[in-house]
Amino acid sequence: MSAELQFNGVTVKTPKEFSVSISTIDADSSGRNANGEMVRDVIAQKTKLDIKWGPLSDSEVADILQRINQPFFVVIYPDPQIGRQRSKTFYA
């Protein structure tokens, strides 16, 4: 799957390494009951992108950092769960 990325609608240089991980967030009440069975109260699932680039020019670095230097930003990325590009809001 190609790792073409867009930050706030602009395509950035293709990364050297790219991975997507999914984390499930449980409520504090999740855990094992008296019978030893797992009881889960799932609050949300969160997506984390791990991105590493090879050598970048000063302008490429500045462009990426400026696009993610805000509380939230939109990333279009290849999502392995759905097998195509997806748009989500992230924070750095």
Protein backbone atom coordinates (compact mmCIF):
# COMPACT_ATOMS: atom_id res chain seq x y z
CA MET A 1 0.00 0.00 0.00
CA SER A 2 1.51 3.32 -1.07
CA ALA A 3 2.03 5.76 1.76
CA GLU A 4 1.00 9.00 0.04
CA LEU A 5 0.21 11.52 2.73
CA GLN A 6 -1.61 14.82 2.73
CA PHE A 7 -1.52 17.23 5.65
CA ASN A 8 -4.33 19.78 5.49
CA GLY A 9 -4.90 19.07 1.81
CA VAL A 10 -1.27 19.27 0.63
CA THR A 11 0.74 16.19 -0.38
CA VAL A 12 4.03 15.88 1.49
CA LYS A 13 7.13 13.94 0.51
CA THR A 14 6.65 10.15 0.63
CA PRO A 15 8.00 8.84 3.93
CA LYS A 16 10.75 6.26 4.27
CA GLU A 17 8.73 4.38 6.92
CA PHE A 18 5.01 4.51 7.60
CA SER A 19 2.84 2.45 9.95
CA VAL A 20 -0.68 2.64 11.35
CA SER A 21 -1.61 1.30 14.77
CA ILE A 22 -5.02 1.10 16.42
CA SER A 23 -5.53 1.44 20.18
CA THR A 24 -8.71 0.64 22.04
CA ILE A 25 -9.48 2.92 24.96
CA ASP A 26 -11.32 1.23 27.85
CA ALA A 27 -13.19 2.86 30.71
CA ASP A 28 -11.76 2.54 34.21
CA SER A 29 -14.51 0.00 34.94
CA SER A 30 -13.00 -2.50 32.46
CA GLY A 31 -11.21 -5.51 33.89
CA ARG A 32 -11.85 -9.00 35.22
CA ASN A 33 -14.93 -9.83 37.24
CA ALA A 34 -15.13 -12.25 40.20
CA ASN A 35 -15.40 -15.19 37.77
CA GLY A 36 -12.16 -14.19 36.05
CA GLU A 37 -13.98 -13.15 32.87
CA MET A 38 -12.87 -10.05 31.02
CA VAL A 39 -15.43 -7.25 31.05
CA ARG A 40 -14.76 -4.30 28.77
CA ASP A 41 -16.40 -0.93 28.48
CA VAL A 42 -14.86 0.37 25.25
CA ILE A 43 -14.90 4.16 25.01
CA ALA A 44 -13.17 4.64 21.64
CA GLN A 45 -10.64 3.38 19.15
CA LYS A 46 -7.76 5.69 18.26
CA THR A 47 -5.44 5.62 15.26
CA LYS A 48 -1.75 6.45 15.54
CA LEU A 49 0.48 7.15 12.56
CA ASP A 50 4.22 6.54 12.90
CA ILE A 51 6.01 8.34 10.09
CA LYS A 52 9.73 8.57 9.35
CA TRP A 53 11.32 10.37 6.44
CA GLY A 54 14.77 10.02 4.99
CA PRO A 55 16.80 13.14 4.32
CA LEU A 56 14.62 16.20 3.72
CA SER A 57 15.48 19.66 2.47
CA ASP A 58 15.07 22.58 4.85
CA SER A 59 11.93 23.67 2.98
CA GLU A 60 10.41 20.16 3.14
CA VAL A 61 10.99 19.99 6.89
CA ALA A 62 9.55 23.47 7.39
CA ASP A 63 6.49 22.63 5.28
CA ILE A 64 5.67 19.50 7.29
CA LEU A 65 6.28 21.16 10.66
CA GLN A 66 4.14 24.18 9.75
CA ARG A 67 1.24 21.96 8.73
CA ILE A 68 1.22 20.01 12.00
CA ASN A 69 1.95 22.99 14.28
CA GLN A 70 -1.65 23.48 15.37
CA PRO A 71 -3.93 21.77 17.88
CA PHE A 72 -5.53 19.52 15.22
CA PHE A 73 -4.92 18.89 11.52
CA VAL A 74 -6.41 16.68 8.81
CA VAL A 75 -4.34 13.83 7.38
CA ILE A 76 -5.24 11.78 4.33
CA TYR A 77 -3.35 8.51 4.59
CA PRO A 78 -3.51 4.88 3.36
CA ASP A 79 -5.60 3.03 5.93
CA PRO A 80 -4.96 -0.73 6.05
CA GLN A 81 -8.30 -1.38 7.80
CA ILE A 82 -10.28 -0.24 4.78
CA GLY A 83 -7.64 -0.78 2.05
CA ARG A 84 -7.75 2.76 0.68
CA GLN A 85 -7.06 6.38 1.52
CA ARG A 86 -8.86 7.79 4.56
CA SER A 87 -9.18 11.29 5.99
CA LYS A 88 -8.99 11.79 9.77
CA THR A 89 -8.23 14.55 12.20
CA PHE A 90 -5.05 14.09 14.23
CA TYR A 91 -2.83 15.94 16.66
CA ALA A 92 0.96 15.82 16.98
